[in-house]
Amino acid sequence: MIGLCRFSYPALGGFQVEHDDIDARRAYLYAPDRMEERLRMFETIALPGLKAQTDQNFDFLIVIGDCMPVPYLERLRAMIEDMPQAKLVAEKPKRHRAVMKQVINGHLDQSVALPSLQFRHDDDDAIAVNFVERMRAVAQDCMGLITSQAAVGIDFNRGYSAKPSAEGVLSTPSYMPYYGVALGMAVAPWHEQTIMNYGHSKLPQVMPTVTFTDEDMFVRGHNGFNDSRQKKHVKPIELELLDAKGEAHFKERFAIDCDQVRRAFS
C-alpha cells in the first residue's frame, strides 16, 4: 500500500492554472501567503487522519521540489517526525505524470509478486481513519477481479467539502464519485502505470472499478488556493460551521481536531 502527495511540487504540467515558465510557477507555489495556508491545512486537515489509520501498514510519499525554500522544508520535516510511513521525496521540475510514475514505481517492493494498492492524496484533503483498512479489505474481497486485470479502481465517494477557519470548520456533505480523494487503485506487479498516470475522473473509462458509498470517507479541502477553483465559472459551495455534534464526527472519522484548527487559523 502506497500513497502519494504532491506538496507544492513545481511540475511541468499537471496544474489547471498554467504559468509562463518554471520560475513563474515557483513564485506562485512558494508565495508566503499560499505556503502558510498549505502548511496549516496539511498539519490540521491532511495529516491527522493519515497518522491515525487503523491499519498502519502503508507508505506515504510526499513529493516536493528540490528548490523548496528551507524554512518550509524544515516545517514539513517537523510535521512528519512522528509518522514513520511518511517520506519526503525531492525532485527537480519534470513532466508531471512521468515523475510521479517514477517516484511510485521506484518505491514499490519489486520482489513481491502481488498487486500494489495505490492512492493519491492532496495536501488539503483528509481521509477517514479506516481508509487503508477498508481499501485492503476491498482488495481481498475483489481478488478474483484484481488478479485478472492490469488495474482496478477503488472509489469511496461520500464525505464532505470543508474549509478551516478561526471559528472552526465550515462544511457541507458531498457526494463526489472518482474525485481524487479516498480514491485508490489496485495495480498488477507487471503493470508500469500508476494511479498518477490517470485523470481521477476518467478512471472508470479505462479500467473496471468498484465503488462504495456506505460511510463518510473523505474531507475535500476548500480554500483560496485550490488549483481546481482558480478558473472562471466555478460553482460556489455553501458551507456551514460545524456544531458540537459535527465536530465530534470529524474527530472520530478523520481525526480532525477543530480546536487545533481554530488555533492554527486564528
Protein backbone atom coordinates (compact mmCIF):
# COMPACT_ATOMS: atom_id res chain seq x y z
CA MET A 1 0.00 0.00 0.00
CA ILE A 2 1.50 3.29 -1.10
CA GLY A 3 0.10 6.81 -1.10
CA LEU A 4 1.46 9.86 -2.90
CA CYS A 5 1.03 13.54 -2.11
CA ARG A 6 2.36 16.39 -4.24
CA PHE A 7 3.25 19.23 -1.87
CA SER A 8 3.75 22.37 -3.96
CA TYR A 9 5.89 20.43 -6.42
CA PRO A 10 6.79 22.66 -9.42
CA ALA A 11 5.87 20.17 -12.12
CA LEU A 12 5.98 20.81 -15.84
CA GLY A 13 2.26 20.40 -16.48
CA GLY A 14 -0.16 18.86 -14.01
CA PHE A 15 -1.82 22.15 -12.98
CA GLN A 16 -5.09 23.56 -14.21
CA VAL A 17 -3.61 27.02 -13.69
CA GLU A 18 -0.74 27.44 -16.15
CA HIS A 19 2.34 29.67 -15.86
CA ASP A 20 4.67 31.16 -18.46
CA ASP A 21 7.77 29.34 -17.21
CA ILE A 22 9.11 27.35 -14.27
CA ASP A 23 10.25 30.48 -12.43
CA ALA A 24 6.73 31.88 -12.55
CA ARG A 25 5.40 28.57 -11.23
CA ARG A 26 7.90 28.55 -8.35
CA ALA A 27 6.97 32.14 -7.49
CA TYR A 28 3.29 31.18 -7.39
CA LEU A 29 3.78 27.98 -5.40
CA TYR A 30 6.18 29.41 -2.82
CA ALA A 31 4.40 32.72 -2.26
CA PRO A 32 4.32 33.24 1.54
CA ASP A 33 0.52 33.56 1.85
CA ARG A 34 -0.08 30.42 -0.19
CA MET A 35 2.56 28.33 1.60
CA GLU A 36 1.32 29.41 5.01
CA GLU A 37 -2.20 28.23 4.17
CA ARG A 38 -0.97 24.95 2.64
CA LEU A 39 1.21 24.13 5.63
CA ARG A 40 -1.58 24.86 8.11
CA MET A 41 -4.06 22.74 6.14
CA PHE A 42 -1.56 19.91 5.78
CA GLU A 43 -0.95 19.89 9.53
CA THR A 44 -4.56 20.22 10.71
CA ILE A 45 -6.60 18.56 7.91
CA ALA A 46 -4.48 16.09 5.93
CA LEU A 47 -2.00 14.60 8.40
CA PRO A 48 -4.22 13.75 11.41
CA GLY A 49 -6.25 11.09 9.59
CA LEU A 50 -3.16 9.63 7.96
CA LYS A 51 -1.37 9.36 11.29
CA ALA A 52 -4.43 7.78 12.94
CA GLN A 53 -5.02 5.00 10.38
CA THR A 54 -6.37 1.81 11.92
CA ASP A 55 -4.08 -0.09 9.53
CA GLN A 56 -0.59 1.43 9.81
CA ASN A 57 0.96 -0.79 7.14
CA PHE A 58 1.41 1.69 4.27
CA ASP A 59 3.95 4.11 2.83
CA PHE A 60 3.23 7.79 2.22
CA LEU A 61 5.44 9.68 -0.22
CA ILE A 62 5.42 13.48 -0.17
CA VAL A 63 6.86 14.80 -3.43
CA ILE A 64 8.42 18.25 -3.14
CA GLY A 65 10.63 20.37 -5.36
CA ASP A 66 14.36 20.26 -4.74
CA CYS A 67 14.13 24.06 -4.74
CA MET A 68 11.65 24.33 -1.82
CA PRO A 69 12.76 27.15 0.49
CA VAL A 70 14.47 25.79 3.61
CA PRO A 71 12.04 27.25 6.20
CA TYR A 72 9.10 25.44 4.57
CA LEU A 73 11.11 22.25 4.22
CA GLU A 74 12.02 22.31 7.91
CA ARG A 75 8.38 22.78 8.91
CA LEU A 76 7.35 19.83 6.74
CA ARG A 77 10.01 17.63 8.30
CA ALA A 78 8.85 18.57 11.79
CA MET A 79 5.24 17.73 10.94
CA ILE A 80 6.04 14.15 9.92
CA GLU A 81 8.63 13.31 12.58
CA ASP A 82 6.06 11.14 14.36
CA MET A 83 4.82 9.45 11.16
CA PRO A 84 7.16 6.57 10.18
CA GLN A 85 5.16 5.90 6.99
CA ALA A 86 5.96 9.36 5.58
CA LYS A 87 8.94 10.19 3.41
CA LEU A 88 9.88 13.43 1.67
CA VAL A 89 10.97 12.89 -1.94
CA ALA A 90 12.69 15.91 -3.50
CA GLU A 91 12.68 16.09 -7.31
CA LYS A 92 13.77 18.59 -9.92
CA PRO A 93 10.98 20.09 -12.06
CA LYS A 94 9.94 17.38 -14.54
CA ARG A 95 6.89 16.36 -16.55
CA HIS A 96 4.15 15.72 -14.04
CA ARG A 97 2.89 12.24 -14.90
CA ALA A 98 6.35 10.90 -15.71
CA VAL A 99 7.96 11.94 -12.43
CA MET A 100 5.04 10.71 -10.29
CA LYS A 101 5.16 7.35 -12.06
CA GLN A 102 8.90 7.20 -11.43
CA VAL A 103 8.50 8.02 -7.74
CA ILE A 104 5.80 5.42 -7.07
CA ASN A 105 7.41 2.61 -9.05
CA GLY A 106 10.78 3.42 -7.52
CA HIS A 107 9.40 2.83 -4.03
CA LEU A 108 7.47 -0.38 -4.72
CA ASP A 109 8.89 -3.66 -3.46
CA GLN A 110 9.74 -5.33 -6.76
CA SER A 111 10.31 -8.68 -5.04
CA VAL A 112 6.62 -9.03 -4.16
CA ALA A 113 4.57 -10.72 -6.90
CA LEU A 114 1.27 -9.27 -5.67
CA PRO A 115 -0.76 -6.25 -6.77
CA SER A 116 0.14 -2.95 -5.14
CA LEU A 117 -2.55 -0.73 -3.68
CA GLN A 118 -2.02 2.93 -4.55
CA PHE A 119 -3.81 6.13 -3.61
CA ARG A 120 -3.31 9.80 -4.34
CA HIS A 121 -3.80 12.49 -1.73
CA ASP A 122 -3.81 16.28 -1.89
CA ASP A 123 -2.23 18.26 0.92
CA ASP A 124 -5.51 19.97 1.87
CA ASP A 125 -7.71 16.86 1.92
CA ALA A 126 -8.41 14.23 4.59
CA ILE A 127 -9.25 10.54 4.53
CA ALA A 128 -11.16 8.59 7.15
CA VAL A 129 -9.05 6.84 9.78
CA ASN A 130 -10.05 3.43 8.38
CA PHE A 131 -9.33 4.21 4.72
CA VAL A 132 -6.26 1.96 4.46
CA GLU A 133 -8.06 -0.86 6.29
CA ARG A 134 -11.12 -0.56 4.03
CA MET A 135 -9.09 -0.41 0.84
CA ARG A 136 -7.12 -3.50 1.77
CA ALA A 137 -10.33 -5.35 2.70
CA VAL A 138 -11.89 -4.41 -0.66
CA ALA A 139 -8.82 -5.76 -2.44
CA GLN A 140 -9.19 -9.07 -0.61
CA ASP A 141 -12.90 -9.27 -1.43
CA CYS A 142 -12.26 -8.47 -5.11
CA MET A 143 -9.11 -10.53 -5.56
CA GLY A 144 -10.58 -12.50 -8.46
CA LEU A 145 -11.22 -9.30 -10.40
CA ILE A 146 -7.94 -7.67 -9.38
CA THR A 147 -5.73 -10.60 -10.38
CA SER A 148 -7.34 -10.71 -13.84
CA GLN A 149 -6.75 -7.01 -14.64
CA ALA A 150 -3.83 -4.65 -15.10
CA ALA A 151 -5.56 -2.14 -12.82
CA VAL A 152 -8.80 -1.80 -10.86
CA GLY A 153 -10.10 1.43 -9.37
CA ILE A 154 -11.41 1.52 -5.78
CA ASP A 155 -13.57 4.53 -5.02
CA PHE A 156 -15.18 5.78 -1.81
CA ASN A 157 -17.47 8.56 -2.93
CA ARG A 158 -19.11 10.04 0.16
CA GLY A 159 -17.73 12.63 2.56
CA TYR A 160 -17.55 16.39 2.99
CA SER A 161 -16.27 19.59 1.48
CA ALA A 162 -14.82 21.73 4.24
CA LYS A 163 -12.89 24.90 4.96
CA PRO A 164 -10.88 25.60 8.13
CA SER A 165 -11.23 28.97 9.82
CA ALA A 166 -10.58 30.80 13.07
CA GLU A 167 -14.15 29.89 14.11
CA GLY A 168 -13.74 26.18 13.36
CA VAL A 169 -14.53 24.04 10.32
CA LEU A 170 -17.17 25.06 7.80
CA SER A 171 -18.55 22.08 5.93
CA THR A 172 -21.21 20.50 3.75
CA PRO A 173 -21.89 16.83 2.90
CA SER A 174 -20.57 15.89 -0.54
CA TYR A 175 -21.07 13.04 -2.97
CA MET A 176 -18.04 13.02 -5.27
CA PRO A 177 -17.50 9.90 -7.37
CA TYR A 178 -13.95 9.47 -8.69
CA TYR A 179 -12.84 12.78 -7.25
CA GLY A 180 -9.24 12.01 -6.34
CA VAL A 181 -9.65 11.84 -2.56
CA ALA A 182 -10.41 8.44 -0.97
CA LEU A 183 -9.76 7.03 -4.42
CA GLY A 184 -7.34 4.15 -4.90
CA MET A 185 -6.19 1.64 -7.44
CA ALA A 186 -5.01 -1.97 -7.35
CA VAL A 187 -2.14 -2.39 -9.81
CA ALA A 188 -0.71 -5.64 -11.15
CA PRO A 189 3.02 -6.12 -10.38
CA TRP A 190 3.82 -6.22 -14.10
CA HIS A 191 1.90 -3.03 -14.92
CA GLU A 192 4.05 0.12 -15.04
CA GLN A 193 1.26 2.69 -14.95
CA THR A 194 0.34 4.16 -11.58
CA ILE A 195 -2.63 5.97 -10.10
CA MET A 196 -0.92 9.24 -11.07
CA ASN A 197 -1.00 8.32 -14.76
CA TYR A 198 -4.77 8.75 -14.98
CA GLY A 199 -7.04 11.72 -14.52
CA HIS A 200 -9.11 10.73 -11.50
CA SER A 201 -12.46 11.46 -13.15
CA LYS A 202 -11.51 9.30 -16.14
CA LEU A 203 -10.64 6.20 -14.13
CA PRO A 204 -13.92 4.34 -14.91
CA GLN A 205 -13.38 4.98 -18.64
CA VAL A 206 -10.14 2.99 -18.76
CA MET A 207 -10.48 0.22 -16.17
CA PRO A 208 -13.05 -1.68 -14.11
CA THR A 209 -13.85 -0.05 -10.79
CA VAL A 210 -15.64 -0.83 -7.57
CA THR A 211 -17.31 1.93 -5.58
CA PHE A 212 -18.64 2.31 -2.05
CA THR A 213 -20.94 4.92 -0.58
CA ASP A 214 -21.74 3.42 2.83
CA GLU A 215 -19.75 5.75 5.12
CA ASP A 216 -18.04 9.13 5.16
CA MET A 217 -14.54 8.54 3.84
CA PHE A 218 -13.09 11.94 2.91
CA VAL A 219 -12.91 15.66 3.52
CA ARG A 220 -12.29 17.68 0.38
CA GLY A 221 -10.36 20.78 1.46
CA HIS A 222 -11.87 24.06 0.27
CA ASN A 223 -9.60 27.10 0.24
CA GLY A 224 -8.46 30.11 -1.75
CA PHE A 225 -5.61 28.26 -3.45
CA ASN A 226 -7.40 25.12 -4.73
CA ASP A 227 -5.97 24.57 -8.20
CA SER A 228 -9.36 23.34 -9.39
CA ARG A 229 -11.07 26.54 -8.21
CA GLN A 230 -8.83 29.12 -9.89
CA LYS A 231 -10.68 29.19 -13.20
CA LYS A 232 -13.78 31.20 -14.07
CA HIS A 233 -17.34 29.89 -13.73
CA VAL A 234 -16.51 27.58 -10.80
CA LYS A 235 -19.71 26.92 -8.88
CA PRO A 236 -19.55 28.28 -5.32
CA ILE A 237 -20.11 25.89 -2.43
CA GLU A 238 -22.20 26.90 0.57
CA LEU A 239 -20.58 25.81 3.83
CA GLU A 240 -21.91 25.91 7.39
CA LEU A 241 -19.95 25.94 10.63
CA LEU A 242 -19.87 22.54 12.31
CA ASP A 243 -21.77 22.30 15.57
CA ALA A 244 -20.57 20.22 18.53
CA LYS A 245 -22.00 17.02 17.05
CA GLY A 246 -20.34 17.70 13.70
CA GLU A 247 -17.01 18.45 15.36
CA ALA A 248 -17.20 15.15 17.24
CA HIS A 249 -17.92 13.32 13.97
CA PHE A 250 -14.91 14.93 12.27
CA LYS A 251 -12.72 13.95 15.22
CA GLU A 252 -13.94 10.34 15.15
CA ARG A 253 -13.90 9.82 11.37
CA PHE A 254 -10.94 11.96 10.27
CA ALA A 255 -9.01 12.72 13.50
CA ILE A 256 -9.53 16.42 12.73
CA ASP A 257 -9.40 18.42 15.96
CA CYS A 258 -11.43 21.59 15.49
CA ASP A 259 -9.70 23.23 18.47
CA GLN A 260 -6.38 22.71 16.70
CA VAL A 261 -7.92 24.18 13.54
CA ARG A 262 -9.10 27.26 15.44
CA ARG A 263 -5.64 27.78 16.94
CA ALA A 264 -3.90 27.36 13.57
CA PHE A 265 -6.20 29.71 11.65
CA SER A 266 -6.81 32.36 14.29
